[in-house]
């Protein structure tokens, strides 16, 4: 059974983000919140890969390619948040989340659920932005209705 390219590339986004954050944790850079912003590179990679695959298959419809790009990035965000949820509970639950950088997203004492929901909204927003940027980049290659 062949997986849809959106699911496959979303899983690649998840693997990239997961490896990046684990590497930051091992190297002791997990408390530097500005390094967390680089995870958008993995989202760009996965969405760009989906769009290039669609172009190589001859799919030139702007709306369907935009939906494929958005679906890819949402899959990556959801997989990453599920992994963060599980990892946070393994590492100590709410105590682990509170040990994360306080200037990143929350200022109080968030629970694991609150932290993940906040990151879900942030992830969806970044998915929309990445999709729009890449669709603008590929704009002259797609056919409009």
Protein backbone atom coordinates (compact mmCIF):
# COMPACT_ATOMS: atom_id res chain seq x y z
CA UNK A 1 0.00 0.00 0.00
CA UNK A 2 1.42 3.34 -1.04
CA UNK A 3 1.07 6.18 1.46
CA UNK A 4 -0.23 9.51 0.22
CA UNK A 5 2.59 11.99 -0.37
CA UNK A 6 1.04 14.44 2.11
CA UNK A 7 1.21 11.84 4.88
CA UNK A 8 4.72 10.74 3.92
CA UNK A 9 6.07 14.29 3.76
CA UNK A 10 4.24 15.19 6.98
CA UNK A 11 6.00 12.27 8.62
CA UNK A 12 9.34 13.54 7.25
CA UNK A 13 8.57 16.92 8.83
CA UNK A 14 7.90 15.14 12.12
CA UNK A 15 11.15 13.18 11.90
CA UNK A 16 13.14 16.32 11.14
CA UNK A 17 11.60 18.32 13.96
CA UNK A 18 11.90 15.41 16.40
CA UNK A 19 15.56 14.80 15.59
CA UNK A 20 16.32 18.53 15.77
CA UNK A 21 14.73 18.95 19.20
CA UNK A 22 16.34 15.78 20.58
CA UNK A 23 19.72 16.98 19.29
CA UNK A 24 19.16 20.38 20.92
CA UNK A 25 18.30 18.62 24.18
CA UNK A 26 21.41 16.40 24.05
CA UNK A 27 23.68 19.36 23.25
CA UNK A 28 22.14 21.43 26.05
CA UNK A 29 20.58 24.09 23.81
CA UNK A 30 16.96 23.27 24.61
CA UNK A 31 16.65 26.37 26.83
CA UNK A 32 17.44 28.73 23.94
CA UNK A 33 14.05 29.66 22.60
CA UNK A 34 15.30 31.36 19.43
CA UNK A 35 16.77 28.04 18.22
CA UNK A 36 13.26 26.57 18.33
CA UNK A 37 12.25 28.89 15.51
CA UNK A 38 14.44 26.95 13.08
CA UNK A 39 11.94 24.08 13.05
CA UNK A 40 10.13 25.98 10.30
CA UNK A 41 12.94 24.81 7.97
CA UNK A 42 11.61 21.26 8.23
CA UNK A 43 8.09 22.43 7.44
CA UNK A 44 9.39 24.29 4.39
CA UNK A 45 11.22 21.14 3.27
CA UNK A 46 8.19 18.85 3.56
CA UNK A 47 5.73 21.24 1.93
CA UNK A 48 8.19 22.08 -0.85
CA UNK A 49 8.70 18.36 -1.46
CA UNK A 50 4.95 17.81 -1.75
CA UNK A 51 4.57 20.66 -4.23
CA UNK A 52 7.49 19.43 -6.34
CA UNK A 53 6.02 15.92 -6.36
CA UNK A 54 2.68 17.33 -7.53
CA UNK A 55 4.40 19.32 -10.27
CA UNK A 56 6.33 16.28 -11.45
CA UNK A 57 3.04 14.31 -11.62
CA UNK A 58 1.52 17.05 -13.76
CA UNK A 59 -0.89 18.35 -11.13
CA UNK A 60 -1.13 22.03 -11.99
CA UNK A 61 -4.34 23.09 -10.21
CA UNK A 62 -3.58 25.88 -7.74
CA UNK A 63 -6.34 25.04 -5.25
CA UNK A 64 -5.58 21.31 -5.02
CA UNK A 65 -1.86 22.00 -4.64
CA UNK A 66 -2.55 24.55 -1.90
CA UNK A 67 -4.69 21.97 -0.10
CA UNK A 68 -1.97 19.33 -0.47
CA UNK A 69 0.62 21.76 0.91
CA UNK A 70 -1.57 22.67 3.87
CA UNK A 71 -2.40 19.03 4.57
CA UNK A 72 1.29 18.11 4.57
CA UNK A 73 2.21 20.80 7.06
CA UNK A 74 -0.76 20.01 9.33
CA UNK A 75 0.23 16.33 9.38
CA UNK A 76 3.75 17.34 10.42
CA UNK A 77 2.46 19.60 13.17
CA UNK A 78 0.00 17.03 14.54
CA UNK A 79 2.58 14.21 14.53
CA UNK A 80 5.10 16.48 16.28
CA UNK A 81 2.60 17.55 18.93
CA UNK A 82 1.58 13.97 19.64
CA UNK A 83 5.25 13.09 20.11
CA UNK A 84 5.75 16.14 22.37
CA UNK A 85 2.72 15.15 24.42
CA UNK A 86 4.05 11.62 24.94
CA UNK A 87 7.63 12.81 25.52
CA UNK A 88 6.47 15.39 28.07
CA UNK A 89 4.59 12.78 30.06
CA UNK A 90 7.60 10.44 29.98
CA UNK A 91 9.89 13.23 31.20
CA UNK A 92 7.66 14.24 34.11
CA UNK A 93 4.47 15.81 32.76
CA UNK A 94 3.67 19.33 33.93
CA UNK A 95 7.02 19.68 35.73
CA UNK A 96 8.86 19.07 32.45
CA UNK A 97 6.75 21.60 30.55
CA UNK A 98 7.41 24.20 33.25
CA UNK A 99 11.14 23.56 32.92
CA UNK A 100 11.01 24.61 29.28
CA UNK A 101 11.85 28.18 28.46
CA UNK A 102 9.28 30.48 30.06
CA UNK A 103 9.64 33.18 27.42
CA UNK A 104 8.51 30.77 24.73
CA UNK A 105 4.74 31.04 24.24
CA UNK A 106 3.69 31.02 27.89
CA UNK A 107 4.64 33.10 30.90
CA UNK A 108 2.84 31.20 33.65
CA UNK A 109 2.75 27.57 34.64
CA UNK A 110 1.12 25.73 31.74
CA UNK A 111 0.08 22.12 31.90
CA UNK A 112 1.09 19.66 29.19
CA UNK A 113 -2.36 19.98 27.61
CA UNK A 114 -2.29 23.78 27.63
CA UNK A 115 1.21 23.83 26.20
CA UNK A 116 0.28 21.42 23.40
CA UNK A 117 -2.91 23.30 22.53
CA UNK A 118 -0.97 26.56 22.36
CA UNK A 119 1.63 24.94 20.13
CA UNK A 120 -1.17 23.53 17.96
CA UNK A 121 -2.44 27.03 17.24
CA UNK A 122 1.09 28.25 16.61
CA UNK A 123 1.76 25.27 14.35
CA UNK A 124 -1.40 25.86 12.33
CA UNK A 125 -0.47 29.52 11.91
CA UNK A 126 3.03 28.62 10.74
CA UNK A 127 1.53 26.03 8.39
CA UNK A 128 -0.67 28.66 6.79
CA UNK A 129 2.27 31.05 6.43
CA UNK A 130 4.57 28.41 4.93
CA UNK A 131 1.85 27.27 2.55
CA UNK A 132 1.16 30.82 1.39
CA UNK A 133 4.86 31.59 0.91
CA UNK A 134 5.52 28.45 -1.11
CA UNK A 135 2.35 28.88 -3.16
CA UNK A 136 3.51 32.40 -4.00
CA UNK A 137 6.91 31.00 -4.96
CA UNK A 138 5.36 28.35 -7.20
CA UNK A 139 2.59 30.72 -8.42
CA UNK A 140 3.68 30.94 -12.06
CA UNK A 141 3.83 27.14 -12.36
CA UNK A 142 0.20 26.47 -11.42
CA UNK A 143 -2.94 27.05 -13.43
CA UNK A 144 -5.66 29.26 -11.95
CA UNK A 145 -9.34 28.57 -12.51
